[in-house]
Amino acid sequence: MEKIYTRLAEADLFAAIGTSPQIYPVATFVHKARTVGAHTIELKLKLLALVSAWVDKLLSQR
């Protein structure tokens, strides 16, 4: 874990792909990268119902 936190402290960019905010310590990685000024990207592979409903509403207004 020490090596991971060292790398996070040096990061310019950090991508979290397919992880859940409930899984620790992985859930802390994005926050730790942000605190050192890294750009962060979070990609969720599971479609959330709220997002799906929002997209459906947006598309129906076209």
N, C-alpha and C. Protein backbone atom coordinates (compact mmCIF):
# COMPACT_ATOMS: atom_id res chain seq x y z
N MET A 1 0.82 -1.19 0.00
CA MET A 1 0.00 0.00 0.00
C MET A 1 0.87 1.26 0.00
N GLU A 2 1.98 1.19 0.65
CA GLU A 2 2.86 2.36 0.71
C GLU A 2 3.29 2.78 -0.70
N LYS A 3 3.60 1.79 -1.53
CA LYS A 3 4.02 2.08 -2.90
C LYS A 3 2.88 2.74 -3.70
N ILE A 4 1.66 2.28 -3.49
CA ILE A 4 0.50 2.87 -4.17
C ILE A 4 0.34 4.33 -3.76
N TYR A 5 0.39 4.62 -2.47
CA TYR A 5 0.22 5.99 -2.01
C TYR A 5 1.36 6.89 -2.48
N THR A 6 2.56 6.35 -2.61
CA THR A 6 3.68 7.12 -3.14
C THR A 6 3.42 7.49 -4.59
N ARG A 7 2.95 6.53 -5.37
CA ARG A 7 2.63 6.80 -6.79
C ARG A 7 1.48 7.80 -6.93
N LEU A 8 0.48 7.68 -6.07
CA LEU A 8 -0.63 8.63 -6.11
C LEU A 8 -0.14 10.05 -5.83
N ALA A 9 0.80 10.18 -4.92
CA ALA A 9 1.34 11.50 -4.57
C ALA A 9 2.12 12.12 -5.73
N GLU A 10 2.57 11.29 -6.67
CA GLU A 10 3.35 11.76 -7.82
C GLU A 10 2.50 11.91 -9.08
N ALA A 11 1.22 11.54 -9.01
CA ALA A 11 0.38 11.46 -10.21
C ALA A 11 -0.04 12.82 -10.75
N ASP A 12 -0.06 12.91 -12.08
CA ASP A 12 -0.65 14.05 -12.77
C ASP A 12 -2.08 13.71 -13.20
N LEU A 13 -2.31 12.42 -13.43
CA LEU A 13 -3.60 11.92 -13.89
C LEU A 13 -3.88 10.59 -13.22
N PHE A 14 -5.11 10.40 -12.75
CA PHE A 14 -5.49 9.13 -12.14
C PHE A 14 -6.85 8.73 -12.69
N ALA A 15 -6.97 7.50 -13.17
CA ALA A 15 -8.24 6.98 -13.68
C ALA A 15 -8.69 5.81 -12.81
N ALA A 16 -9.90 5.92 -12.30
CA ALA A 16 -10.52 4.83 -11.54
C ALA A 16 -11.57 4.21 -12.47
N ILE A 17 -11.39 2.94 -12.78
CA ILE A 17 -12.27 2.29 -13.76
C ILE A 17 -13.00 1.13 -13.11
N GLY A 18 -14.32 1.25 -13.08
CA GLY A 18 -15.17 0.15 -12.63
C GLY A 18 -15.15 -0.16 -11.15
N THR A 19 -14.67 0.74 -10.34
CA THR A 19 -14.63 0.48 -8.91
C THR A 19 -15.81 1.16 -8.21
N SER A 20 -16.10 0.69 -7.05
CA SER A 20 -17.23 1.22 -6.28
C SER A 20 -16.72 2.12 -5.16
N PRO A 21 -17.47 3.17 -4.84
CA PRO A 21 -17.05 4.02 -3.72
C PRO A 21 -17.15 3.33 -2.36
N GLN A 22 -17.71 2.14 -2.32
CA GLN A 22 -17.82 1.40 -1.06
C GLN A 22 -16.63 0.45 -0.83
N ILE A 23 -15.76 0.31 -1.82
CA ILE A 23 -14.63 -0.62 -1.71
C ILE A 23 -13.40 0.13 -1.20
N TYR A 24 -12.96 -0.21 0.00
CA TYR A 24 -11.79 0.45 0.60
C TYR A 24 -10.61 -0.50 0.61
N PRO A 25 -9.39 -0.01 0.42
CA PRO A 25 -8.97 1.39 0.37
C PRO A 25 -9.05 2.01 -1.02
N VAL A 26 -9.47 1.26 -2.02
CA VAL A 26 -9.52 1.79 -3.39
C VAL A 26 -10.36 3.06 -3.48
N ALA A 27 -11.42 3.15 -2.71
CA ALA A 27 -12.30 4.32 -2.75
C ALA A 27 -11.57 5.61 -2.38
N THR A 28 -10.48 5.51 -1.68
CA THR A 28 -9.74 6.72 -1.26
C THR A 28 -8.75 7.20 -2.32
N PHE A 29 -8.48 6.39 -3.33
CA PHE A 29 -7.44 6.72 -4.30
C PHE A 29 -7.75 8.00 -5.08
N VAL A 30 -8.99 8.17 -5.54
CA VAL A 30 -9.35 9.37 -6.31
C VAL A 30 -9.16 10.61 -5.45
N HIS A 31 -9.63 10.55 -4.22
CA HIS A 31 -9.49 11.70 -3.32
C HIS A 31 -8.02 12.02 -3.09
N LYS A 32 -7.22 11.01 -2.83
CA LYS A 32 -5.79 11.24 -2.57
C LYS A 32 -5.10 11.85 -3.79
N ALA A 33 -5.45 11.37 -4.98
CA ALA A 33 -4.85 11.93 -6.20
C ALA A 33 -5.26 13.39 -6.38
N ARG A 34 -6.52 13.70 -6.09
CA ARG A 34 -7.00 15.09 -6.22
C ARG A 34 -6.27 16.02 -5.25
N THR A 35 -5.97 15.53 -4.06
CA THR A 35 -5.33 16.40 -3.06
C THR A 35 -3.94 16.85 -3.48
N VAL A 36 -3.30 16.11 -4.38
CA VAL A 36 -1.98 16.52 -4.87
C VAL A 36 -2.08 17.24 -6.21
N GLY A 37 -3.32 17.51 -6.65
CA GLY A 37 -3.51 18.27 -7.88
C GLY A 37 -3.64 17.46 -9.15
N ALA A 38 -3.74 16.15 -9.03
CA ALA A 38 -3.88 15.31 -10.22
C ALA A 38 -5.28 15.46 -10.82
N HIS A 39 -5.35 15.39 -12.13
CA HIS A 39 -6.65 15.31 -12.80
C HIS A 39 -7.16 13.89 -12.57
N THR A 40 -8.45 13.76 -12.32
CA THR A 40 -9.00 12.43 -12.06
C THR A 40 -10.16 12.14 -13.01
N ILE A 41 -10.28 10.87 -13.35
CA ILE A 41 -11.35 10.37 -14.20
C ILE A 41 -11.93 9.15 -13.51
N GLU A 42 -13.26 9.11 -13.41
CA GLU A 42 -13.93 7.95 -12.83
C GLU A 42 -14.87 7.37 -13.87
N LEU A 43 -14.64 6.14 -14.26
CA LEU A 43 -15.49 5.46 -15.24
C LEU A 43 -16.23 4.34 -14.54
N LYS A 44 -17.53 4.42 -14.59
CA LYS A 44 -18.38 3.39 -13.99
C LYS A 44 -18.91 2.50 -15.11
N LEU A 45 -18.76 1.22 -14.97
CA LEU A 45 -19.20 0.30 -16.00
C LEU A 45 -20.65 -0.10 -15.84
N LYS A 46 -21.23 0.13 -14.68
CA LYS A 46 -22.61 -0.24 -14.42
C LYS A 46 -23.49 0.98 -14.62
N LEU A 47 -24.52 0.84 -15.45
CA LEU A 47 -25.44 1.94 -15.70
C LEU A 47 -26.32 2.14 -14.48
N LEU A 48 -26.34 3.34 -13.97
CA LEU A 48 -27.17 3.65 -12.81
C LEU A 48 -28.57 4.06 -13.27
N ALA A 49 -29.60 3.64 -12.56
CA ALA A 49 -30.98 3.93 -12.93
C ALA A 49 -31.23 5.43 -13.03
N LEU A 50 -30.67 6.21 -12.12
CA LEU A 50 -30.87 7.65 -12.13
C LEU A 50 -30.30 8.27 -13.41
N VAL A 51 -29.13 7.84 -13.80
CA VAL A 51 -28.52 8.36 -15.03
C VAL A 51 -29.35 7.96 -16.23
N SER A 52 -29.79 6.72 -16.28
CA SER A 52 -30.60 6.24 -17.39
C SER A 52 -31.88 7.07 -17.53
N ALA A 53 -32.56 7.34 -16.42
CA ALA A 53 -33.79 8.13 -16.45
C ALA A 53 -33.50 9.55 -16.92
N TRP A 54 -32.40 10.12 -16.49
CA TRP A 54 -32.02 11.47 -16.88
C TRP A 54 -31.74 11.53 -18.38
N VAL A 55 -31.02 10.56 -18.90
CA VAL A 55 -30.72 10.52 -20.34
C VAL A 55 -32.01 10.33 -21.14
N ASP A 56 -32.89 9.43 -20.71
CA ASP A 56 -34.16 9.23 -21.39
C ASP A 56 -34.96 10.53 -21.46
N LYS A 57 -35.01 11.26 -20.36
CA LYS A 57 -35.75 12.52 -20.32
C LYS A 57 -35.11 13.54 -21.25
N LEU A 58 -33.81 13.62 -21.23
CA LEU A 58 -33.09 14.56 -22.08
C LEU A 58 -33.33 14.26 -23.55
N LEU A 59 -33.25 12.99 -23.93
CA LEU A 59 -33.44 12.61 -25.33
C LEU A 59 -34.87 12.79 -25.79
N SER A 60 -35.83 12.63 -24.91
CA SER A 60 -37.24 12.78 -25.29
C SER A 60 -37.60 14.24 -25.56
N GLN A 61 -36.78 15.17 -25.11
CA GLN A 61 -37.04 16.59 -25.33
C GLN A 61 -36.55 17.07 -26.69
N ARG A 62 -35.89 16.22 -27.43
CA ARG A 62 -35.34 16.61 -28.75
C ARG A 62 -36.40 16.63 -29.79
